[in-house]
Amino acid sequence: MPVSVTIAPANRVSFSAACLLALSCSVLVPALSMAQEFSLPSTPPQLTLLDPVPTLLKGSAVTTNANTLATKGRLVEGTAADSASELVLRIPANSVGEQFTLTVVNDQGTQSTSSAEDGGLGKIGTTTFSASQLTVTAVSTTAGPMAFAIYGGPLDFPRPEDQDVNNAERFINLQVQALDTGLSSETSVTLLRPPLVLIHGLWASAASWDDFTPLINDPRWLISRADYSKIIGGQIKSYSPPLPSWARGSVANSPASALGFAYNAPTVLLQIYNFITSFKNGTNPANLPVAGVQADIVAHSMGGDVTRTLPMIAQFYHPTTFSLGFVHKVITIGTPHWGSPLATMLLTSNNECVRGVLATNGSPSFTSVTFKNGTTATGGVADLQGDGFGGGLSSALQKLQNPIAHPLPTALIQGLESQSQLDGLNSSSAAKAIRLLCFTDPLAKDLTSSGWPKIFGQDSDSIVPALSAVAGLSQFTVVNGVIHSQSSEELGFGPPAELDAAGGIPDTVIDLLNTPINDATYVLLPQQ
């Protein structure tokens, strides 16, 4: 009995304590959990930069498929300032419906006021990116809730105030703020100059640019030289017009650069594409993975016509360029946009001897060639026919006047020879030899300081008429005291040539590269 008496109170106390403890837990534990929930530190939203090319594209635009946007794309740290490139912005969220405000912050640390200079924002599904601030909402994806937007790059690398002329890169920041917590973060975006491609002309090669200093050694640009000078003479079965018997063997040494625009443009386009790809993958002044779809072009002579032929190739407006093409802006140097009467004369029967002399020096003049596989191609000289005043244009030059989807912003450089450079013909041993050997040819007779200008009926750089070099337009840059090329020097015209450092054109090109494409210096070709 005593045992039962002492045990009962103990049981009652234990039961009461248990009830009190349970009651305490039911009240205090939720309160503690709530306190812990509100005291846990929140983290700022994080932004990821993605190159959408090619895995985030549907056609020529960024896909609207949220699952694709959440799981694909190439991580990058910047973009070329080429007016075409886009970055997909990916923001992980805590829940569907969470909202974020994105802001473009310029290099002064303030909200951008110019999408042309700093780039702009747009929602997924749009193709214009002009907003400096944008609010987006998280959606459900297979990788969790996420929000997305697109950043479209600046119109060009240089800005009108010249603050970028000495730089290889500049920066903007993208700020993202979570509206529910007010927390924010900033992600730096590196902006680079587009890759720069130099394109040589008729009968020339990549080596034509060897003296184009200081540009070719300038670390502000990543530079590549297109080259379409491969020897193709061994593939030629027949050609026209004929050559003298003593010059026919030289056809075997004919370079591809002796052929026309359409023949060489695909080769150049492939080289541009490969160069852009290398640039994107980190071979650039910042050594960073970046987005980029377009290149800047500096083209000499026929290289400018080849450049203008690129949009006629089906793959030029490829979806991976957002259907804008692979070219950002163009600078032409001594390009015969309206041809040259010299080309027309070279193909006539009464200048066969002069044609022979040029062919033996690696510069054959073809109307057309037929290859051993049965295909044909027009000659470069044939494509360059025109009177220099806008008339008598070859079929190839006529095609360049036709409208294209996106005209090319082009800065035109006109080179003009001086009288002293012309006078070199009178004492040149090469010019004298041609006059003696080809004494019946009109071109040989005109190879003097007084006869040569009559071929053009206007000023020239010894090869390209002044009006042709600027497509008859009034907006251009003139450089006096230069002749067309090293080949002109070999004929007896006095130096410097347009691609010689001493002529000053390399510095002029640098100035034009540092001029934004919305400046009046750049005209749209073709004119529409």
Protein backbone atom coordinates (compact mmCIF):
# COMPACT_ATOMS: atom_id res chain seq x y z
CA MET A 1 0.00 0.00 0.00
CA PRO A 2 2.65 2.58 0.79
CA VAL A 3 4.11 1.90 -2.59
CA SER A 4 0.84 2.69 -4.34
CA VAL A 5 0.47 5.90 -2.37
CA THR A 6 3.93 7.18 -3.30
CA ILE A 7 3.66 6.13 -6.90
CA ALA A 8 0.35 7.79 -7.69
CA PRO A 9 1.41 11.38 -6.92
CA ALA A 10 4.57 10.83 -8.89
CA ASN A 11 2.58 9.72 -11.92
CA ARG A 12 0.27 12.67 -11.65
CA VAL A 13 3.25 15.08 -11.51
CA SER A 14 4.91 13.47 -14.52
CA PHE A 15 1.68 13.61 -16.48
CA SER A 16 1.17 17.26 -15.61
CA ALA A 17 4.72 18.08 -16.57
CA ALA A 18 4.30 16.28 -19.85
CA CYS A 19 1.12 18.18 -20.61
CA LEU A 20 2.78 21.47 -19.77
CA LEU A 21 5.76 20.64 -21.95
CA ALA A 22 3.54 19.64 -24.87
CA LEU A 23 1.55 22.82 -24.52
CA SER A 24 4.72 24.85 -24.45
CA CYS A 25 6.01 23.14 -27.56
CA SER A 26 2.76 23.73 -29.45
CA VAL A 27 3.02 27.45 -28.75
CA LEU A 28 6.73 28.13 -28.73
CA VAL A 29 8.03 25.98 -31.59
CA PRO A 30 5.99 27.71 -34.33
CA ALA A 31 7.00 31.05 -32.90
CA LEU A 32 10.63 30.01 -32.91
CA SER A 33 10.33 28.73 -36.49
CA MET A 34 8.81 32.04 -37.60
CA ALA A 35 11.53 33.94 -35.84
CA GLN A 36 14.16 31.83 -37.56
CA GLU A 37 12.46 32.31 -40.96
CA PHE A 38 12.52 36.09 -40.75
CA SER A 39 15.98 36.30 -39.33
CA LEU A 40 17.67 34.13 -41.97
CA PRO A 41 19.81 36.41 -44.19
CA SER A 42 18.46 36.84 -47.78
CA THR A 43 20.93 36.77 -50.68
CA PRO A 44 20.95 39.31 -53.53
CA PRO A 45 19.68 38.06 -56.90
CA GLN A 46 22.40 36.83 -59.23
CA LEU A 47 22.62 37.48 -62.96
CA THR A 48 24.15 35.13 -65.54
CA LEU A 49 25.25 36.36 -69.00
CA LEU A 50 24.63 33.95 -71.86
CA ASP A 51 25.53 34.02 -75.52
CA PRO A 52 22.34 32.82 -77.22
CA VAL A 53 24.12 31.77 -80.42
CA PRO A 54 23.26 29.13 -81.40
CA THR A 55 21.57 27.08 -78.65
CA LEU A 56 19.10 29.70 -77.44
CA LEU A 57 17.89 30.69 -80.90
CA LYS A 58 14.69 29.77 -82.64
CA GLY A 59 15.12 30.96 -86.18
CA SER A 60 16.87 34.31 -86.04
CA ALA A 61 15.56 35.35 -82.60
CA VAL A 62 16.01 34.24 -79.02
CA THR A 63 13.63 31.41 -78.12
CA THR A 64 10.69 32.01 -75.81
CA ASN A 65 10.89 28.45 -74.42
CA ALA A 66 11.60 28.94 -70.70
CA ASN A 67 13.07 25.45 -70.23
CA THR A 68 15.57 26.04 -73.02
CA LEU A 69 16.47 29.46 -71.62
CA ALA A 70 17.00 27.88 -68.19
CA THR A 71 19.33 25.10 -69.28
CA LYS A 72 21.24 26.11 -72.41
CA GLY A 73 23.41 28.98 -73.66
CA ARG A 74 27.14 29.69 -73.45
CA LEU A 75 28.47 31.52 -70.40
CA VAL A 76 30.21 34.76 -71.37
CA GLU A 77 31.57 37.89 -69.71
CA GLY A 78 30.88 40.46 -72.38
CA THR A 79 30.03 41.19 -75.99
CA ALA A 80 31.33 42.89 -79.08
CA ALA A 81 29.86 46.36 -79.54
CA ASP A 82 28.62 45.54 -83.02
CA SER A 83 24.95 46.68 -82.89
CA ALA A 84 23.77 43.11 -83.54
CA SER A 85 24.96 40.90 -80.68
CA GLU A 86 22.63 39.97 -77.84
CA LEU A 87 23.04 38.51 -74.36
CA VAL A 88 20.39 36.48 -72.59
CA LEU A 89 20.14 37.45 -68.91
CA ARG A 90 19.15 34.61 -66.58
CA ILE A 91 18.07 35.22 -62.96
CA PRO A 92 17.27 32.34 -60.56
CA ALA A 93 14.29 33.18 -58.34
CA ASN A 94 12.87 31.95 -55.04
CA SER A 95 9.40 31.46 -56.44
CA VAL A 96 7.31 31.81 -59.56
CA GLY A 97 5.97 35.35 -59.80
CA GLU A 98 8.96 36.96 -58.08
CA GLN A 99 9.83 40.22 -59.83
CA PHE A 100 13.18 41.83 -60.60
CA THR A 101 14.13 45.22 -61.98
CA LEU A 102 17.08 45.33 -64.35
CA THR A 103 18.99 48.56 -64.95
CA VAL A 104 21.77 49.42 -67.41
CA VAL A 105 24.39 51.39 -65.47
CA ASN A 106 26.88 53.34 -67.60
CA ASP A 107 30.59 53.81 -66.91
CA GLN A 108 29.77 56.93 -64.89
CA GLY A 109 27.84 54.82 -62.40
CA THR A 110 24.44 56.19 -63.33
CA GLN A 111 21.44 54.78 -65.19
CA SER A 112 22.12 54.89 -68.91
CA THR A 113 20.39 57.49 -71.04
CA SER A 114 21.60 56.13 -74.39
CA SER A 115 21.03 52.62 -75.70
CA ALA A 116 23.14 53.54 -78.74
CA GLU A 117 26.16 54.05 -76.48
CA ASP A 118 25.51 51.61 -73.64
CA GLY A 119 23.16 49.02 -75.09
CA GLY A 120 19.61 48.38 -73.93
CA LEU A 121 17.18 45.89 -72.49
CA GLY A 122 14.20 44.04 -73.88
CA LYS A 123 11.87 41.27 -72.79
CA ILE A 124 12.10 37.76 -74.17
CA GLY A 125 10.19 37.70 -77.44
CA THR A 126 11.17 41.21 -78.53
CA THR A 127 13.84 42.22 -81.06
CA THR A 128 14.40 45.82 -80.04
CA PHE A 129 16.48 46.72 -77.01
CA SER A 130 16.23 50.36 -76.10
CA ALA A 131 15.12 50.33 -72.45
CA SER A 132 17.62 51.26 -69.74
CA GLN A 133 15.36 49.75 -67.07
CA LEU A 134 13.06 46.75 -67.24
CA THR A 135 11.00 44.69 -64.78
CA VAL A 136 10.72 40.95 -65.40
CA THR A 137 8.80 38.18 -63.63
CA ALA A 138 10.02 34.69 -62.74
CA VAL A 139 8.38 31.76 -64.47
CA SER A 140 8.42 28.05 -63.87
CA THR A 141 11.17 26.02 -65.57
CA THR A 142 12.53 22.51 -65.24
CA ALA A 143 15.53 24.03 -63.45
CA GLY A 144 13.40 25.97 -60.97
CA PRO A 145 11.80 29.41 -61.09
CA MET A 146 13.74 31.90 -63.21
CA ALA A 147 13.37 35.29 -64.85
CA PHE A 148 14.85 36.23 -68.21
CA ALA A 149 15.60 39.29 -70.33
CA ILE A 150 17.78 40.26 -73.29
CA TYR A 151 20.56 42.83 -73.41
CA GLY A 152 21.29 44.22 -76.88
CA GLY A 153 24.78 45.67 -77.33
CA PRO A 154 25.72 49.24 -78.28
CA LEU A 155 25.55 50.57 -81.82
CA ASP A 156 29.34 50.81 -81.95
CA PHE A 157 32.36 50.74 -79.67
CA PRO A 158 33.44 54.38 -80.05
CA ARG A 159 31.15 57.07 -78.66
CA PRO A 160 30.83 60.58 -80.12
CA GLU A 161 32.68 62.22 -77.23
CA ASP A 162 35.96 60.44 -78.19
CA GLN A 163 36.39 59.00 -74.70
CA ASP A 164 37.02 55.53 -76.13
CA VAL A 165 39.67 56.22 -78.77
CA ASN A 166 42.56 54.85 -76.74
CA ASN A 167 40.74 51.81 -75.35
CA ALA A 168 40.44 48.19 -76.41
CA GLU A 169 37.54 47.63 -74.05
CA ARG A 170 34.98 49.53 -72.02
CA PHE A 171 32.36 48.50 -69.49
CA ILE A 172 28.78 48.81 -68.40
CA ASN A 173 27.09 47.18 -65.41
CA LEU A 174 23.77 45.41 -65.29
CA GLN A 175 22.04 45.88 -61.95
CA VAL A 176 19.33 43.45 -60.85
CA GLN A 177 17.10 44.19 -57.85
CA ALA A 178 14.58 41.83 -56.25
CA LEU A 179 11.42 43.84 -55.64
CA ASP A 180 10.29 41.76 -52.63
CA THR A 181 13.51 42.14 -50.61
CA GLY A 182 15.03 45.26 -52.14
CA LEU A 183 18.36 43.45 -52.40
CA SER A 184 20.40 43.97 -55.56
CA SER A 185 23.65 43.04 -57.28
CA GLU A 186 25.62 44.33 -60.26
CA THR A 187 27.29 42.34 -63.01
CA SER A 188 30.03 43.90 -65.13
CA VAL A 189 29.74 43.51 -68.90
CA THR A 190 32.90 43.93 -70.98
CA LEU A 191 32.33 45.70 -74.30
CA LEU A 192 34.92 45.06 -77.02
CA ARG A 193 35.62 46.49 -80.44
CA PRO A 194 34.35 44.09 -83.11
CA PRO A 195 37.07 41.96 -84.72
CA LEU A 196 38.69 43.76 -87.67
CA VAL A 197 39.26 42.12 -91.05
CA LEU A 198 41.55 43.56 -93.74
CA ILE A 199 40.60 42.55 -97.30
CA HIS A 200 43.07 42.99 -100.16
CA GLY A 201 42.33 43.73 -103.78
CA LEU A 202 42.88 42.55 -107.37
CA TRP A 203 46.08 40.53 -107.97
CA ALA A 204 47.08 41.12 -104.35
CA SER A 205 47.42 39.04 -101.19
CA ALA A 206 47.36 39.37 -97.41
CA ALA A 207 50.96 40.60 -97.64
CA SER A 208 49.64 43.79 -99.22
CA TRP A 209 49.00 45.05 -95.67
CA ASP A 210 52.54 44.49 -94.41
CA ASP A 211 53.34 48.23 -94.31
CA PHE A 212 49.93 49.34 -93.10
CA THR A 213 51.31 50.62 -89.84
CA PRO A 214 50.52 51.63 -87.17
CA LEU A 215 47.14 49.89 -87.52
CA ILE A 216 48.35 46.34 -88.09
CA ASN A 217 50.28 46.45 -84.80
CA ASP A 218 47.66 48.30 -82.76
CA PRO A 219 46.60 46.30 -79.67
CA ARG A 220 43.22 48.04 -79.53
CA TRP A 221 42.01 45.79 -82.34
CA LEU A 222 42.07 42.09 -82.97
CA ILE A 223 43.02 42.03 -86.65
CA SER A 224 42.90 39.32 -89.27
CA ARG A 225 43.79 39.52 -92.95
CA ALA A 226 41.48 37.81 -95.37
CA ASP A 227 43.37 36.08 -98.15
CA TYR A 228 42.01 34.95 -101.49
CA SER A 229 45.33 34.80 -103.34
CA LYS A 230 45.66 31.02 -103.63
CA ILE A 231 47.21 29.96 -106.94
CA ILE A 232 44.47 28.46 -109.08
CA GLY A 233 46.11 28.66 -112.52
CA GLY A 234 46.66 24.91 -112.71
CA GLN A 235 42.90 24.41 -112.63
CA ILE A 236 42.25 26.68 -115.62
CA LYS A 237 41.39 24.93 -118.88
CA SER A 238 40.73 28.00 -121.01
CA TYR A 239 40.38 31.74 -120.66
CA SER A 240 39.63 34.93 -122.52
CA PRO A 241 40.79 37.30 -123.87
CA PRO A 242 43.91 35.75 -125.40
CA LEU A 243 47.49 36.46 -124.37
CA PRO A 244 50.61 36.71 -126.55
CA SER A 245 52.32 33.36 -127.03
CA TRP A 246 55.25 34.45 -124.87
CA ALA A 247 52.92 35.11 -121.90
CA ARG A 248 50.62 32.10 -122.00
CA GLY A 249 52.71 29.97 -119.68
CA SER A 250 52.19 32.54 -116.91
CA VAL A 251 48.52 31.59 -116.62
CA ALA A 252 49.56 28.61 -114.51
CA ASN A 253 50.62 31.07 -111.81
CA SER A 254 47.31 32.95 -111.75
CA PRO A 255 46.01 33.77 -108.26
CA ALA A 256 42.37 33.55 -107.27
CA SER A 257 42.54 37.31 -106.73
CA ALA A 258 42.62 37.65 -110.53
CA LEU A 259 39.05 36.34 -110.61
CA GLY A 260 35.80 38.16 -109.90
CA PHE A 261 33.73 39.25 -106.93
CA ALA A 262 31.34 36.29 -106.86
CA TYR A 263 34.16 33.75 -107.12
CA ASN A 264 36.09 35.17 -104.16
CA ALA A 265 33.32 36.37 -101.85
CA PRO A 266 32.48 32.92 -100.39
CA THR A 267 36.13 32.37 -99.47
CA VAL A 268 36.25 35.70 -97.69
CA LEU A 269 32.94 35.14 -95.90
CA LEU A 270 34.14 31.81 -94.49
CA GLN A 271 37.31 33.45 -93.22
CA ILE A 272 35.29 36.22 -91.56
CA TYR A 273 33.02 33.66 -89.89
CA ASN A 274 35.97 31.65 -88.55
CA PHE A 275 37.64 34.81 -87.25
CA ILE A 276 34.50 35.91 -85.41
CA THR A 277 34.23 32.44 -83.85
CA SER A 278 37.81 32.65 -82.59
CA PHE A 279 37.15 36.13 -81.22
CA LYS A 280 34.09 34.89 -79.32
CA ASN A 281 35.98 32.01 -77.77
CA GLY A 282 38.52 34.27 -76.09
CA THR A 283 41.03 35.27 -78.74
CA ASN A 284 40.41 38.98 -78.19
CA PRO A 285 42.09 41.88 -76.36
CA ALA A 286 40.33 40.99 -73.08
CA ASN A 287 41.00 37.23 -73.34
CA LEU A 288 37.39 36.58 -72.36
CA PRO A 289 34.54 34.51 -73.74
CA VAL A 290 32.15 37.00 -75.31
CA ALA A 291 29.21 37.23 -77.68
CA GLY A 292 29.72 38.64 -81.16
CA VAL A 293 28.26 38.18 -84.62
CA GLN A 294 29.78 40.89 -86.82
CA ALA A 295 33.20 42.14 -87.93
CA ASP A 296 34.45 45.52 -89.07
CA ILE A 297 36.03 45.57 -92.54
CA VAL A 298 38.85 47.65 -94.02
CA ALA A 299 39.06 46.87 -97.73
CA HIS A 300 41.40 48.05 -100.46
CA SER A 301 40.57 48.25 -104.15
CA MET A 302 38.54 45.26 -105.37
CA GLY A 303 38.40 44.08 -101.76
CA GLY A 304 35.68 46.67 -101.23
CA ASP A 305 33.65 45.24 -104.10
CA VAL A 306 34.14 41.74 -102.75
CA THR A 307 32.88 42.99 -99.37
CA ARG A 308 29.81 44.53 -100.98
CA THR A 309 29.17 41.19 -102.72
CA LEU A 310 28.99 39.29 -99.42
CA PRO A 311 25.28 40.11 -98.79
CA MET A 312 24.44 38.33 -102.05
CA ILE A 313 25.60 35.03 -100.55
CA ALA A 314 22.69 33.09 -99.06
CA GLN A 315 24.48 32.44 -95.75
CA PHE A 316 25.41 36.08 -95.15
CA TYR A 317 22.15 36.86 -93.32
CA HIS A 318 22.39 33.65 -91.35
CA PRO A 319 20.03 33.22 -88.37
CA THR A 320 23.07 33.18 -86.07
CA THR A 321 23.60 36.85 -87.01
CA PHE A 322 19.96 37.54 -86.04
CA SER A 323 19.56 37.90 -89.84
CA LEU A 324 21.59 41.13 -89.76
CA GLY A 325 24.67 39.82 -91.57
CA PHE A 326 28.30 39.29 -90.64
CA VAL A 327 29.49 42.86 -91.34
CA HIS A 328 29.19 45.76 -88.89
CA LYS A 329 30.84 48.63 -90.79
CA VAL A 330 33.14 49.03 -93.77
CA ILE A 331 35.98 51.36 -94.73
CA THR A 332 36.97 51.25 -98.40
CA ILE A 333 40.28 52.56 -99.71
CA GLY A 334 40.52 53.26 -103.43
CA THR A 335 37.66 50.88 -104.20
CA PRO A 336 36.29 51.18 -107.76
CA HIS A 337 32.60 51.31 -106.81
CA TRP A 338 31.92 52.64 -110.32
CA GLY A 339 34.69 50.65 -112.00
CA SER A 340 37.63 51.95 -113.98
CA PRO A 341 38.05 52.60 -117.70
CA LEU A 342 41.50 51.06 -117.32
CA ALA A 343 39.82 47.68 -116.75
CA THR A 344 37.76 48.09 -119.91
CA MET A 345 40.83 48.98 -121.96
CA LEU A 346 42.88 46.08 -120.63
CA LEU A 347 40.42 43.58 -122.11
CA THR A 348 40.41 44.99 -125.64
CA SER A 349 42.26 43.23 -128.46
CA ASN A 350 44.53 46.20 -129.17
CA ASN A 351 46.06 46.02 -125.66
CA GLU A 352 47.06 42.33 -125.82
CA CYS A 353 50.76 43.06 -125.41
CA VAL A 354 50.22 45.10 -122.22
CA ARG A 355 48.02 42.27 -120.94
CA GLY A 356 50.90 39.90 -121.59
CA VAL A 357 53.38 42.03 -119.66
CA LEU A 358 51.06 42.19 -116.68
CA ALA A 359 50.35 38.44 -116.83
CA THR A 360 54.04 37.57 -116.73
CA ASN A 361 54.24 39.64 -113.56
CA GLY A 362 51.45 37.70 -111.86
CA SER A 363 48.61 40.03 -112.83
CA PRO A 364 46.50 38.36 -115.54
CA SER A 365 43.46 40.12 -116.99
CA PHE A 366 40.53 37.81 -117.64
CA THR A 367 37.06 38.31 -119.02
CA SER A 368 36.27 34.76 -117.99
CA VAL A 369 37.93 31.43 -117.24
CA THR A 370 36.75 27.86 -117.63
CA PHE A 371 38.09 25.35 -115.17
CA LYS A 372 38.99 21.75 -115.91
CA ASN A 373 35.95 20.61 -113.91
CA GLY A 374 33.68 22.49 -116.33
CA THR A 375 32.76 25.43 -114.09
CA THR A 376 33.33 29.03 -115.14
CA ALA A 377 34.13 32.30 -113.42
CA THR A 378 34.36 35.91 -114.48
CA GLY A 379 37.68 37.70 -114.25
CA GLY A 380 38.38 40.39 -111.70
CA VAL A 381 39.28 42.89 -114.40
CA ALA A 382 36.01 42.11 -116.20
CA ASP A 383 34.05 42.78 -113.01
CA LEU A 384 35.85 46.12 -112.58
CA GLN A 385 34.75 47.58 -115.91
CA GLY A 386 33.11 50.99 -115.76
CA ASP A 387 33.74 54.47 -117.07
CA GLY A 388 34.31 55.93 -113.60
CA PHE A 389 31.34 58.27 -113.93
CA GLY A 390 28.68 55.67 -113.16
CA GLY A 391 28.19 54.34 -116.68
CA GLY A 392 29.38 51.26 -118.52
CA LEU A 393 29.21 49.17 -115.36
CA SER A 394 29.94 45.47 -115.52
CA SER A 395 27.19 43.06 -114.55
CA ALA A 396 28.92 42.51 -111.19
CA LEU A 397 29.03 46.24 -110.43
CA GLN A 398 25.42 46.68 -111.52
CA LYS A 399 24.40 44.06 -108.97
CA LEU A 400 26.08 46.09 -106.24
CA GLN A 401 23.61 48.90 -106.91
CA ASN A 402 20.62 46.66 -106.09
CA PRO A 403 18.90 47.01 -102.67
CA ILE A 404 19.92 44.63 -99.91
CA ALA A 405 18.21 43.76 -96.62
CA HIS A 406 20.60 45.82 -94.50
CA PRO A 407 22.77 48.38 -96.34
CA LEU A 408 26.38 48.48 -95.18
CA PRO A 409 27.54 51.57 -93.24
CA THR A 410 30.58 52.57 -95.27
CA ALA A 411 33.28 55.22 -94.92
CA LEU A 412 34.87 56.07 -98.25
CA ILE A 413 38.55 57.00 -98.70
CA GLN A 414 39.57 58.59 -101.97
CA GLY A 415 43.26 58.57 -102.83
CA LEU A 416 44.60 61.05 -105.36
CA GLU A 417 47.99 60.99 -107.04
CA SER A 418 50.16 64.09 -107.35
CA GLN A 419 51.76 65.44 -110.50
CA SER A 420 55.20 64.50 -109.22
CA GLN A 421 54.06 60.90 -108.82
CA LEU A 422 52.76 60.92 -112.39
CA ASP A 423 56.04 62.37 -113.61
CA GLY A 424 57.76 59.21 -112.43
CA LEU A 425 56.40 57.49 -115.56
CA ASN A 426 58.63 59.61 -117.79
CA SER A 427 61.85 58.34 -116.22
CA SER A 428 60.78 54.84 -115.16
CA SER A 429 62.72 52.05 -116.86
CA ALA A 430 59.69 49.75 -116.52
CA ALA A 431 57.38 52.24 -118.21
CA LYS A 432 59.93 52.82 -120.98
CA ALA A 433 60.27 49.08 -121.58
CA ILE A 434 56.49 48.67 -121.90
CA ARG A 435 56.29 51.60 -124.32
CA LEU A 436 59.01 50.00 -126.46
CA LEU A 437 57.74 46.41 -126.33
CA CYS A 438 54.06 47.24 -126.78
CA PHE A 439 54.46 50.31 -128.97
CA THR A 440 51.19 49.69 -130.83
CA ASP A 441 49.04 49.32 -127.71
CA PRO A 442 47.07 52.43 -126.70
CA LEU A 443 47.75 51.77 -123.02
CA ALA A 444 51.49 51.59 -123.65
CA LYS A 445 51.41 54.85 -125.58
CA ASP A 446 49.52 56.50 -122.73
CA LEU A 447 51.99 55.33 -120.08
CA THR A 448 53.39 58.84 -119.65
CA SER A 449 52.65 61.68 -117.25
CA SER A 450 50.63 63.49 -119.91
CA GLY A 451 48.91 60.49 -121.47
CA TRP A 452 47.80 58.55 -118.40
CA PRO A 453 45.30 61.11 -117.02
CA LYS A 454 43.48 61.08 -120.36
CA ILE A 455 42.40 57.49 -119.73
CA PHE A 456 40.22 58.60 -116.80
CA GLY A 457 39.03 62.08 -117.77
CA GLN A 458 39.21 63.00 -114.06
CA ASP A 459 41.57 62.79 -111.13
CA SER A 460 42.62 59.33 -109.98
CA ASP A 461 45.01 57.36 -107.81
CA SER A 462 46.60 56.02 -111.03
CA ILE A 463 44.10 53.14 -111.28
CA VAL A 464 40.74 54.15 -109.80
CA PRO A 465 38.94 57.36 -110.89
CA ALA A 466 38.16 59.83 -108.11
CA LEU A 467 34.37 59.61 -108.50
CA SER A 468 34.44 55.83 -108.62
CA ALA A 469 36.35 55.62 -105.34
CA VAL A 470 33.47 57.43 -103.58
CA ALA A 471 30.56 55.98 -105.60
CA GLY A 472 29.75 59.50 -106.76
CA LEU A 473 28.85 60.57 -103.22
CA SER A 474 29.79 63.81 -101.49
CA GLN A 475 30.59 62.37 -98.07
CA PHE A 476 34.12 60.95 -98.12
CA THR A 477 37.69 61.43 -96.91
CA VAL A 478 40.33 62.46 -99.44
CA VAL A 479 44.02 61.68 -99.07
CA ASN A 480 46.32 63.46 -101.51
CA GLY A 481 49.67 62.31 -102.78
CA VAL A 482 49.07 58.55 -102.94
CA ILE A 483 48.96 56.09 -105.79
CA HIS A 484 46.84 52.98 -105.90
CA SER A 485 49.22 50.14 -105.10
CA GLN A 486 52.68 48.67 -105.11
CA SER A 487 51.96 47.46 -108.65
CA SER A 488 51.56 51.09 -109.66
CA GLU A 489 54.98 51.80 -108.15
CA GLU A 490 56.48 48.97 -110.18
CA LEU A 491 55.13 50.60 -113.35
CA GLY A 492 56.93 53.80 -112.47
CA PHE A 493 54.44 55.92 -110.54
CA GLY A 494 56.12 57.60 -107.61
CA PRO A 495 55.46 56.40 -104.05
CA PRO A 496 53.82 56.24 -101.58
CA ALA A 497 50.96 53.87 -102.32
CA GLU A 498 47.65 53.79 -100.47
CA LEU A 499 48.70 50.90 -98.25
CA ASP A 500 52.11 52.38 -97.42
CA ALA A 501 52.52 53.86 -93.95
CA ALA A 502 54.13 56.95 -95.49
CA GLY A 503 50.90 57.78 -97.32
CA GLY A 504 49.05 58.47 -94.07
CA ILE A 505 46.00 56.34 -94.85
CA PRO A 506 46.57 53.92 -91.93
CA ASP A 507 46.16 56.85 -89.51
CA THR A 508 43.08 57.98 -91.41
CA VAL A 509 41.60 54.49 -91.07
CA ILE A 510 42.24 54.51 -87.31
CA ASP A 511 40.35 57.81 -87.07
CA LEU A 512 37.44 56.32 -89.02
CA LEU A 513 37.39 53.18 -86.88
CA ASN A 514 37.10 55.51 -83.89
CA THR A 515 34.10 57.21 -85.50
CA PRO A 516 30.70 55.70 -84.60
CA ILE A 517 28.59 54.36 -87.45
CA ASN A 518 25.77 56.81 -86.81
CA ASP A 519 28.12 59.65 -87.73
CA ALA A 520 27.53 61.24 -91.14
CA THR A 521 30.96 59.99 -92.22
CA TYR A 522 29.38 56.58 -92.76
CA VAL A 523 27.02 56.32 -95.71
CA LEU A 524 24.79 53.37 -96.46
CA LEU A 525 25.73 51.31 -99.51
CA PRO A 526 24.02 50.70 -101.71
CA GLN A 527 22.11 53.96 -101.64
CA GLN A 528 18.39 53.16 -101.55
